[in-house]
Amino acid sequence: MKLFSIIIVALSNLLLPAAPALAHAMLDHANPRVGSTQPTGPREVTLWFTQKLEPAFSSVEVRSESGALMSSGKAQVDRADPTQLHVALKPLPRGTYKVIWRVLSVDTHRTQGDFSFRVGQ
């Protein structure tokens, strides 16, 4: 009986697929692109993540080189694509801008990060 149990456990480990691991919502891509130079200031920043986001606990802000807040209003998770987070921007003069994001995925994992882009040459 003991040998039979060992064989059953071994076979089930080989034949049954492993449960997928829960991952965090990581930044997939952004517009403007990470590290890019834009000829003119964009009207908004849009971020795409690898998982759906919880709107009430996800944010993004854009800051100038001096630290001034350049995002206008609250960041919004897109209703049609809950992996997308966007925020409107004030008019951006030439310079380097830092995008700072903090998100909570629907599986309750928090992640955060930042990147920069440039306006002008």
Protein backbone atom coordinates (compact mmCIF):
# COMPACT_ATOMS: atom_id res chain seq x y z
CA MET A 1 0.00 0.00 0.00
CA LYS A 2 2.85 2.41 0.82
CA LEU A 3 4.49 1.80 -2.57
CA PHE A 4 1.15 2.40 -4.30
CA SER A 5 0.78 5.78 -2.53
CA ILE A 6 4.30 6.82 -3.54
CA ILE A 7 3.61 5.90 -7.16
CA ILE A 8 0.31 7.85 -7.19
CA VAL A 9 1.97 10.97 -5.72
CA ALA A 10 4.87 10.73 -8.16
CA LEU A 11 2.54 10.32 -11.17
CA SER A 12 0.29 13.18 -10.08
CA ASN A 13 3.33 15.47 -9.76
CA LEU A 14 4.38 14.59 -13.29
CA LEU A 15 0.96 14.70 -14.94
CA LEU A 16 -0.82 17.61 -13.24
CA PRO A 17 0.27 21.08 -14.35
CA ALA A 18 1.74 23.38 -11.76
CA ALA A 19 -0.43 26.25 -10.59
CA PRO A 20 0.67 29.55 -12.11
CA ALA A 21 2.64 31.77 -9.78
CA LEU A 22 1.11 35.09 -8.89
CA ALA A 23 3.15 37.93 -10.36
CA HIS A 24 3.28 41.61 -9.65
CA ALA A 25 1.99 44.29 -12.01
CA MET A 26 5.17 45.45 -13.70
CA LEU A 27 5.49 48.25 -16.22
CA ASP A 28 5.25 46.73 -19.70
CA HIS A 29 5.64 49.89 -21.80
CA ALA A 30 4.81 53.59 -21.75
CA ASN A 31 3.93 56.51 -23.98
CA PRO A 32 6.13 58.54 -24.08
CA ARG A 33 8.62 55.71 -24.13
CA VAL A 34 11.04 55.23 -21.25
CA GLY A 35 14.16 57.36 -21.87
CA SER A 36 12.79 58.89 -25.07
CA THR A 37 13.08 62.46 -26.35
CA GLN A 38 9.87 64.07 -27.56
CA PRO A 39 9.98 67.02 -29.99
CA THR A 40 7.03 68.63 -28.14
CA GLY A 41 5.42 68.01 -24.79
CA PRO A 42 2.82 65.22 -24.75
CA ARG A 43 -0.67 65.95 -23.44
CA GLU A 44 -0.71 62.82 -21.29
CA VAL A 45 1.40 59.93 -20.06
CA THR A 46 0.03 56.42 -20.56
CA LEU A 47 1.48 53.34 -18.85
CA TRP A 48 0.67 49.69 -19.63
CA PHE A 49 1.20 47.03 -16.97
CA THR A 50 1.44 43.25 -17.00
CA GLN A 51 -1.68 42.83 -14.83
CA LYS A 52 -5.01 44.53 -14.24
CA LEU A 53 -4.86 47.42 -11.77
CA GLU A 54 -7.01 48.47 -8.82
CA PRO A 55 -8.07 52.03 -9.75
CA ALA A 56 -8.43 53.34 -6.19
CA PHE A 57 -4.86 52.39 -5.28
CA SER A 58 -2.94 53.18 -8.48
CA SER A 59 -1.31 56.51 -9.23
CA VAL A 60 1.15 58.21 -11.54
CA GLU A 61 2.64 61.68 -11.34
CA VAL A 62 5.02 63.59 -13.58
CA ARG A 63 7.60 65.98 -12.12
CA SER A 64 9.93 68.50 -13.72
CA GLU A 65 13.68 68.68 -13.06
CA SER A 66 12.96 71.13 -10.24
CA GLY A 67 10.40 68.77 -8.73
CA ALA A 68 7.31 70.74 -9.82
CA LEU A 69 4.21 68.61 -10.34
CA MET A 70 3.40 68.60 -14.08
CA SER A 71 0.56 66.07 -14.07
CA SER A 72 -2.88 67.60 -14.16
CA GLY A 73 -5.58 65.85 -12.19
CA LYS A 74 -5.79 62.32 -10.90
CA ALA A 75 -4.44 59.31 -12.78
CA GLN A 76 -7.12 57.06 -14.26
CA VAL A 77 -7.20 53.33 -14.98
CA ASP A 78 -8.73 52.79 -18.43
CA ARG A 79 -12.15 51.10 -18.18
CA ALA A 80 -11.71 49.25 -21.48
CA ASP A 81 -8.18 48.11 -20.62
CA PRO A 82 -7.58 47.84 -16.85
CA THR A 83 -3.87 47.25 -17.43
CA GLN A 84 -3.58 50.86 -18.65
CA LEU A 85 -3.03 53.89 -16.41
CA HIS A 86 -2.91 57.45 -17.74
CA VAL A 87 -2.67 60.99 -16.46
CA ALA A 88 -3.16 64.36 -18.21
CA LEU A 89 -0.25 66.80 -18.26
CA LYS A 90 0.15 70.54 -17.99
CA PRO A 91 1.98 72.11 -20.96
CA LEU A 92 5.57 70.86 -20.82
CA PRO A 93 8.42 73.17 -21.81
CA ARG A 94 11.82 71.79 -22.83
CA GLY A 95 13.42 69.71 -20.13
CA THR A 96 13.61 66.32 -18.50
CA TYR A 97 10.60 64.87 -16.71
CA LYS A 98 10.33 62.05 -14.22
CA VAL A 99 7.31 59.73 -14.24
CA ILE A 100 6.67 58.16 -10.83
CA TRP A 101 4.14 55.31 -10.60
CA ARG A 102 2.67 53.26 -7.78
CA VAL A 103 0.13 50.55 -8.51
CA LEU A 104 -1.83 47.81 -6.84
CA SER A 105 -2.69 44.85 -9.04
CA VAL A 106 -5.97 42.97 -8.69
CA ASP A 107 -4.04 40.16 -6.99
CA THR A 108 -3.19 42.74 -4.24
CA HIS A 109 0.53 43.11 -4.95
CA ARG A 110 1.97 46.63 -4.82
CA THR A 111 4.72 47.76 -7.17
CA GLN A 112 6.30 51.10 -7.91
CA GLY A 113 8.90 52.62 -10.15
CA ASP A 114 9.94 55.61 -12.16
CA PHE A 115 11.50 56.60 -15.45
CA SER A 116 12.39 59.76 -17.32
CA PHE A 117 11.72 61.26 -20.72
CA ARG A 118 12.83 64.49 -22.32
CA VAL A 119 11.03 67.24 -24.22
CA GLY A 120 13.06 69.15 -26.82
CA GLN A 121 16.59 68.50 -27.95
